[in-house]
Amino acid sequence: MSALVLIVTLIAACMCIALGVVRIGVWLINRREQGRTRTIRDAAFVAQARAQLADRDYAIAMLDQEAMSHD
């Protein structure tokens, strides 16, 4: 009977260790994905800011050109 208890206990311990390893693996994958997502989000933010600045500069240039044509 004690051998059976020992075997069941060892199997349970192995399952706990395997579960812990899987959880660590999932955590590492999520961390890596978060880093990639942050990089993509930052790049999109910079691109949007540049586009807005270019649009603003174009509008200012058009207003300046219009003001010069009236003078």
PDB file of N, CA and C in Angstrom:
ATOM      1  N   MET A   1       0.816  -1.194   0.000  1.00  0.00           N
ATOM      2  CA  MET A   1       0.000   0.000   0.000  1.00  0.00           C
ATOM      3  C   MET A   1       0.858   1.256   0.000  1.00  0.00           C
ATOM      4  N   SER A   2       1.956   1.260   0.747  1.00  0.00           N
ATOM      5  CA  SER A   2       2.809   2.445   0.802  1.00  0.00           C
ATOM      6  C   SER A   2       3.479   2.689  -0.546  1.00  0.00           C
ATOM      7  N   ALA A   3       3.721   1.647  -1.324  1.00  0.00           N
ATOM      8  CA  ALA A   3       4.311   1.823  -2.647  1.00  0.00           C
ATOM      9  C   ALA A   3       3.306   2.529  -3.564  1.00  0.00           C
ATOM     10  N   LEU A   4       2.059   2.170  -3.436  1.00  0.00           N
ATOM     11  CA  LEU A   4       1.015   2.800  -4.243  1.00  0.00           C
ATOM     12  C   LEU A   4       0.887   4.287  -3.898  1.00  0.00           C
ATOM     13  N   VAL A   5       0.939   4.609  -2.614  1.00  0.00           N
ATOM     14  CA  VAL A   5       0.864   6.009  -2.175  1.00  0.00           C
ATOM     15  C   VAL A   5       2.073   6.773  -2.702  1.00  0.00           C
ATOM     16  N   LEU A   6       3.250   6.146  -2.660  1.00  0.00           N
ATOM     17  CA  LEU A   6       4.469   6.784  -3.154  1.00  0.00           C
ATOM     18  C   LEU A   6       4.366   7.052  -4.659  1.00  0.00           C
ATOM     19  N   ILE A   7       3.862   6.111  -5.418  1.00  0.00           N
ATOM     20  CA  ILE A   7       3.727   6.279  -6.864  1.00  0.00           C
ATOM     21  C   ILE A   7       2.727   7.396  -7.187  1.00  0.00           C
ATOM     22  N   VAL A   8       1.593   7.400  -6.494  1.00  0.00           N
ATOM     23  CA  VAL A   8       0.593   8.444  -6.724  1.00  0.00           C
ATOM     24  C   VAL A   8       1.161   9.807  -6.361  1.00  0.00           C
ATOM     25  N   THR A   9       1.904   9.869  -5.278  1.00  0.00           N
ATOM     26  CA  THR A   9       2.510  11.134  -4.859  1.00  0.00           C
ATOM     27  C   THR A   9       3.538  11.610  -5.881  1.00  0.00           C
ATOM     28  N   LEU A  10       4.348  10.708  -6.402  1.00  0.00           N
ATOM     29  CA  LEU A  10       5.344  11.083  -7.413  1.00  0.00           C
ATOM     30  C   LEU A  10       4.676  11.550  -8.709  1.00  0.00           C
ATOM     31  N   ILE A  11       3.608  10.878  -9.097  1.00  0.00           N
ATOM     32  CA  ILE A  11       2.886  11.300 -10.295  1.00  0.00           C
ATOM     33  C   ILE A  11       2.291  12.689 -10.086  1.00  0.00           C
ATOM     34  N   ALA A  12       1.713  12.929  -8.923  1.00  0.00           N
ATOM     35  CA  ALA A  12       1.142  14.248  -8.625  1.00  0.00           C
ATOM     36  C   ALA A  12       2.225  15.327  -8.624  1.00  0.00           C
ATOM     37  N   ALA A  13       3.392  14.998  -8.060  1.00  0.00           N
ATOM     38  CA  ALA A  13       4.498  15.964  -8.030  1.00  0.00           C
ATOM     39  C   ALA A  13       4.974  16.277  -9.447  1.00  0.00           C
ATOM     40  N   CYS A  14       5.071  15.264 -10.296  1.00  0.00           N
ATOM     41  CA  CYS A  14       5.485  15.476 -11.687  1.00  0.00           C
ATOM     42  C   CYS A  14       4.471  16.336 -12.433  1.00  0.00           C
ATOM     43  N   MET A  15       3.197  16.099 -12.153  1.00  0.00           N
ATOM     44  CA  MET A  15       2.160  16.909 -12.798  1.00  0.00           C
ATOM     45  C   MET A  15       2.244  18.365 -12.352  1.00  0.00           C
ATOM     46  N   CYS A  16       2.527  18.592 -11.083  1.00  0.00           N
ATOM     47  CA  CYS A  16       2.665  19.969 -10.581  1.00  0.00           C
ATOM     48  C   CYS A  16       3.862  20.661 -11.215  1.00  0.00           C
ATOM     49  N   ILE A  17       4.958  19.945 -11.346  1.00  0.00           N
ATOM     50  CA  ILE A  17       6.156  20.522 -11.968  1.00  0.00           C
ATOM     51  C   ILE A  17       5.876  20.830 -13.436  1.00  0.00           C
ATOM     52  N   ALA A  18       5.224  19.903 -14.134  1.00  0.00           N
ATOM     53  CA  ALA A  18       4.907  20.130 -15.548  1.00  0.00           C
ATOM     54  C   ALA A  18       3.982  21.333 -15.701  1.00  0.00           C
ATOM     55  N   LEU A  19       3.003  21.458 -14.840  1.00  0.00           N
ATOM     56  CA  LEU A  19       2.093  22.599 -14.889  1.00  0.00           C
ATOM     57  C   LEU A  19       2.846  23.904 -14.658  1.00  0.00           C
ATOM     58  N   GLY A  20       3.760  23.902 -13.710  1.00  0.00           N
ATOM     59  CA  GLY A  20       4.572  25.094 -13.445  1.00  0.00           C
ATOM     60  C   GLY A  20       5.429  25.476 -14.640  1.00  0.00           C
ATOM     61  N   VAL A  21       6.027  24.476 -15.295  1.00  0.00           N
ATOM     62  CA  VAL A  21       6.852  24.748 -16.479  1.00  0.00           C
ATOM     63  C   VAL A  21       5.995  25.318 -17.605  1.00  0.00           C
ATOM     64  N   VAL A  22       4.817  24.770 -17.783  1.00  0.00           N
ATOM     65  CA  VAL A  22       3.910  25.283 -18.819  1.00  0.00           C
ATOM     66  C   VAL A  22       3.507  26.718 -18.505  1.00  0.00           C
ATOM     67  N   ARG A  23       3.202  27.006 -17.256  1.00  0.00           N
ATOM     68  CA  ARG A  23       2.812  28.373 -16.890  1.00  0.00           C
ATOM     69  C   ARG A  23       3.953  29.356 -17.125  1.00  0.00           C
ATOM     70  N   ILE A  24       5.176  28.959 -16.817  1.00  0.00           N
ATOM     71  CA  ILE A  24       6.335  29.829 -17.071  1.00  0.00           C
ATOM     72  C   ILE A  24       6.502  30.043 -18.572  1.00  0.00           C
ATOM     73  N   GLY A  25       6.325  29.004 -19.363  1.00  0.00           N
ATOM     74  CA  GLY A  25       6.425  29.141 -20.819  1.00  0.00           C
ATOM     75  C   GLY A  25       5.386  30.085 -21.374  1.00  0.00           C
ATOM     76  N   VAL A  26       4.161  29.964 -20.914  1.00  0.00           N
ATOM     77  CA  VAL A  26       3.088  30.855 -21.367  1.00  0.00           C
ATOM     78  C   VAL A  26       3.390  32.292 -20.962  1.00  0.00           C
ATOM     79  N   TRP A  27       3.893  32.470 -19.770  1.00  0.00           N
ATOM     80  CA  TRP A  27       4.233  33.818 -19.296  1.00  0.00           C
ATOM     81  C   TRP A  27       5.332  34.429 -20.181  1.00  0.00           C
ATOM     82  N   LEU A  28       6.357  33.643 -20.512  1.00  0.00           N
ATOM     83  CA  LEU A  28       7.440  34.147 -21.359  1.00  0.00           C
ATOM     84  C   LEU A  28       6.927  34.525 -22.743  1.00  0.00           C
ATOM     85  N   ILE A  29       6.065  33.703 -23.312  1.00  0.00           N
ATOM     86  CA  ILE A  29       5.507  34.007 -24.634  1.00  0.00           C
ATOM     87  C   ILE A  29       4.684  35.288 -24.578  1.00  0.00           C
ATOM     88  N   ASN A  30       3.886  35.450 -23.538  1.00  0.00           N
ATOM     89  CA  ASN A  30       3.070  36.664 -23.404  1.00  0.00           C
ATOM     90  C   ASN A  30       3.937  37.904 -23.259  1.00  0.00           C
ATOM     91  N   ARG A  31       5.012  37.793 -22.502  1.00  0.00           N
ATOM     92  CA  ARG A  31       5.915  38.941 -22.332  1.00  0.00           C
ATOM     93  C   ARG A  31       6.525  39.345 -23.662  1.00  0.00           C
ATOM     94  N   ARG A  32       6.925  38.361 -24.452  1.00  0.00           N
ATOM     95  CA  ARG A  32       7.527  38.655 -25.752  1.00  0.00           C
ATOM     96  C   ARG A  32       6.503  39.309 -26.676  1.00  0.00           C
ATOM     97  N   GLU A  33       5.270  38.809 -26.663  1.00  0.00           N
ATOM     98  CA  GLU A  33       4.220  39.404 -27.483  1.00  0.00           C
ATOM     99  C   GLU A  33       3.892  40.823 -27.039  1.00  0.00           C
ATOM    100  N   GLN A  34       3.918  41.067 -25.736  1.00  0.00           N
ATOM    101  CA  GLN A  34       3.654  42.423 -25.239  1.00  0.00           C
ATOM    102  C   GLN A  34       4.711  43.393 -25.743  1.00  0.00           C
ATOM    103  N   GLY A  35       5.963  42.952 -25.760  1.00  0.00           N
ATOM    104  CA  GLY A  35       7.036  43.806 -26.271  1.00  0.00           C
ATOM    105  C   GLY A  35       6.849  44.128 -27.738  1.00  0.00           C
ATOM    106  N   ARG A  36       6.464  43.117 -28.509  1.00  0.00           N
ATOM    107  CA  ARG A  36       6.235  43.346 -29.937  1.00  0.00           C
ATOM    108  C   ARG A  36       5.042  44.268 -30.152  1.00  0.00           C
ATOM    109  N   THR A  37       3.984  44.054 -29.390  1.00  0.00           N
ATOM    110  CA  THR A  37       2.796  44.893 -29.512  1.00  0.00           C
ATOM    111  C   THR A  37       3.125  46.339 -29.160  1.00  0.00           C
ATOM    112  N   ARG A  38       3.914  46.522 -28.121  1.00  0.00           N
ATOM    113  CA  ARG A  38       4.297  47.877 -27.715  1.00  0.00           C
ATOM    114  C   ARG A  38       5.116  48.542 -28.816  1.00  0.00           C
ATOM    115  N   THR A  39       6.016  47.803 -29.437  1.00  0.00           N
ATOM    116  CA  THR A  39       6.828  48.362 -30.515  1.00  0.00           C
ATOM    117  C   THR A  39       5.960  48.777 -31.694  1.00  0.00           C
ATOM    118  N   ILE A  40       5.008  47.928 -32.059  1.00  0.00           N
ATOM    119  CA  ILE A  40       4.109  48.249 -33.174  1.00  0.00           C
ATOM    120  C   ILE A  40       3.249  49.457 -32.837  1.00  0.00           C
ATOM    121  N   ARG A  41       2.726  49.506 -31.618  1.00  0.00           N
ATOM    122  CA  ARG A  41       1.885  50.632 -31.199  1.00  0.00           C
ATOM    123  C   ARG A  41       2.679  51.933 -31.206  1.00  0.00           C
ATOM    124  N   ASP A  42       3.927  51.889 -30.732  1.00  0.00           N
ATOM    125  CA  ASP A  42       4.760  53.092 -30.725  1.00  0.00           C
ATOM    126  C   ASP A  42       5.067  53.555 -32.147  1.00  0.00           C
ATOM    127  N   ALA A  43       5.337  52.611 -33.049  1.00  0.00           N
ATOM    128  CA  ALA A  43       5.622  52.963 -34.434  1.00  0.00           C
ATOM    129  C   ALA A  43       4.390  53.586 -35.094  1.00  0.00           C
ATOM    130  N   ALA A  44       3.217  53.047 -34.805  1.00  0.00           N
ATOM    131  CA  ALA A  44       1.982  53.605 -35.361  1.00  0.00           C
ATOM    132  C   ALA A  44       1.742  55.014 -34.822  1.00  0.00           C
ATOM    133  N   PHE A  45       2.027  55.231 -33.550  1.00  0.00           N
ATOM    134  CA  PHE A  45       1.863  56.558 -32.957  1.00  0.00           C
ATOM    135  C   PHE A  45       2.787  57.568 -33.629  1.00  0.00           C
ATOM    136  N   VAL A  46       4.036  57.180 -33.844  1.00  0.00           N
ATOM    137  CA  VAL A  46       5.000  58.074 -34.490  1.00  0.00           C
ATOM    138  C   VAL A  46       4.572  58.370 -35.921  1.00  0.00           C
ATOM    139  N   ALA A  47       4.115  57.344 -36.638  1.00  0.00           N
ATOM    140  CA  ALA A  47       3.671  57.553 -38.018  1.00  0.00           C
ATOM    141  C   ALA A  47       2.475  58.499 -38.072  1.00  0.00           C
ATOM    142  N   GLN A  48       1.549  58.330 -37.151  1.00  0.00           N
ATOM    143  CA  GLN A  48       0.372  59.207 -37.123  1.00  0.00           C
ATOM    144  C   GLN A  48       0.778  60.640 -36.794  1.00  0.00           C
ATOM    145  N   ALA A  49       1.693  60.810 -35.858  1.00  0.00           N
ATOM    146  CA  ALA A  49       2.150  62.156 -35.498  1.00  0.00           C
ATOM    147  C   ALA A  49       2.847  62.817 -36.679  1.00  0.00           C
ATOM    148  N   ARG A  50       3.673  62.052 -37.397  1.00  0.00           N
ATOM    149  CA  ARG A  50       4.356  62.610 -38.571  1.00  0.00           C
ATOM    150  C   ARG A  50       3.353  63.004 -39.645  1.00  0.00           C
ATOM    151  N   ALA A  51       2.336  62.176 -39.846  1.00  0.00           N
ATOM    152  CA  ALA A  51       1.316  62.496 -40.851  1.00  0.00           C
ATOM    153  C   ALA A  51       0.558  63.761 -40.467  1.00  0.00           C
ATOM    154  N   GLN A  52       0.245  63.905 -39.200  1.00  0.00           N
ATOM    155  CA  GLN A  52      -0.467  65.105 -38.752  1.00  0.00           C
ATOM    156  C   GLN A  52       0.399  66.345 -38.919  1.00  0.00           C
ATOM    157  N   LEU A  53       1.696  66.214 -38.627  1.00  0.00           N
ATOM    158  CA  LEU A  53       2.597  67.356 -38.805  1.00  0.00           C
ATOM    159  C   LEU A  53       2.730  67.715 -40.279  1.00  0.00           C
ATOM    160  N   ALA A  54       2.818  66.710 -41.137  1.00  0.00           N
ATOM    161  CA  ALA A  54       2.916  66.973 -42.572  1.00  0.00           C
ATOM    162  C   ALA A  54       1.646  67.644 -43.074  1.00  0.00           C
ATOM    163  N   ASP A  55       0.498  67.197 -42.594  1.00  0.00           N
ATOM    164  CA  ASP A  55      -0.776  67.797 -42.989  1.00  0.00           C
ATOM    165  C   ASP A  55      -0.851  69.244 -42.521  1.00  0.00           C
ATOM    166  N   ARG A  56      -0.398  69.492 -41.303  1.00  0.00           N
ATOM    167  CA  ARG A  56      -0.404  70.860 -40.771  1.00  0.00           C
ATOM    168  C   ARG A  56       0.533  71.756 -41.575  1.00  0.00           C
ATOM    169  N   ASP A  57       1.742  71.232 -41.876  1.00  0.00           N
ATOM    170  CA  ASP A  57       2.700  72.015 -42.656  1.00  0.00           C
ATOM    171  C   ASP A  57       2.156  72.326 -44.051  1.00  0.00           C
ATOM    172  N   TYR A  58       1.469  71.351 -44.650  1.00  0.00           N
ATOM    173  CA  TYR A  58       0.872  71.575 -45.971  1.00  0.00           C
ATOM    174  C   TYR A  58      -0.207  72.655 -45.898  1.00  0.00           C
ATOM    175  N   ALA A  59      -1.043  72.597 -44.865  1.00  0.00           N
ATOM    176  CA  ALA A  59      -2.108  73.594 -44.717  1.00  0.00           C
ATOM    177  C   ALA A  59      -1.517  74.982 -44.509  1.00  0.00           C
ATOM    178  N   ILE A  60      -0.461  75.078 -43.725  1.00  0.00           N
ATOM    179  CA  ILE A  60       0.189  76.379 -43.499  1.00  0.00           C
ATOM    180  C   ILE A  60       0.791  76.900 -44.798  1.00  0.00           C
ATOM    181  N   ALA A  61       1.416  76.015 -45.564  1.00  0.00           N
ATOM    182  CA  ALA A  61       2.010  76.432 -46.838  1.00  0.00           C
ATOM    183  C   ALA A  61       0.939  76.913 -47.798  1.00  0.00           C
ATOM    184  N   MET A  62      -0.205  76.227 -47.818  1.00  0.00           N
ATOM    185  CA  MET A  62      -1.291  76.652 -48.701  1.00  0.00           C
ATOM    186  C   MET A  62      -1.839  78.015 -48.271  1.00  0.00           C
ATOM    187  N   LEU A  63      -1.976  78.241 -46.963  1.00  0.00           N
ATOM    188  CA  LEU A  63      -2.452  79.536 -46.478  1.00  0.00           C
ATOM    189  C   LEU A  63      -1.449  80.641 -46.805  1.00  0.00           C
ATOM    190  N   ASP A  64      -0.164  80.345 -46.657  1.00  0.00           N
ATOM    191  CA  ASP A  64       0.856  81.339 -47.003  1.00  0.00           C
ATOM    192  C   ASP A  64       0.817  81.669 -48.485  1.00  0.00           C
ATOM    193  N   GLN A  65       0.643  80.647 -49.314  1.00  0.00           N
ATOM    194  CA  GLN A  65       0.591  80.851 -50.743  1.00  0.00           C
ATOM    195  C   GLN A  65      -0.643  81.677 -51.135  1.00  0.00           C
ATOM    196  N   GLU A  66      -1.750  81.398 -50.478  1.00  0.00           N
ATOM    197  CA  GLU A  66      -2.981  82.146 -50.732  1.00  0.00           C
ATOM    198  C   GLU A  66      -2.831  83.600 -50.300  1.00  0.00           C
ATOM    199  N   ALA A  67      -2.173  83.816 -49.155  1.00  0.00           N
ATOM    200  CA  ALA A  67      -1.967  85.185 -48.658  1.00  0.00           C
ATOM    201  C   ALA A  67      -1.050  85.952 -49.611  1.00  0.00           C
ATOM    202  N   MET A  68      -0.051  85.301 -50.168  1.00  0.00           N
ATOM    203  CA  MET A  68       0.867  85.964 -51.069  1.00  0.00           C
ATOM    204  C   MET A  68       0.184  86.317 -52.389  1.00  0.00           C
ATOM    205  N   SER A  69      -0.755  85.482 -52.812  1.00  0.00           N
ATOM    206  CA  SER A  69      -1.424  85.759 -54.098  1.00  0.00           C
ATOM    207  C   SER A  69      -2.388  86.940 -53.968  1.00  0.00           C
ATOM    208  N   HIS A  70      -2.883  87.207 -52.752  1.00  0.00           N
ATOM    209  CA  HIS A  70      -3.769  88.341 -52.542  1.00  0.00           C
ATOM    210  C   HIS A  70      -3.006  89.664 -52.408  1.00  0.00           C
ATOM    211  N   ASP A  71      -1.719  89.559 -52.098  1.00  0.00           N
ATOM    212  CA  ASP A  71      -0.940  90.801 -51.922  1.00  0.00           C
ATOM    213  C   ASP A  71      -0.506  91.392 -53.201  1.00  0.00           C
TER     214      ASP A  71
END
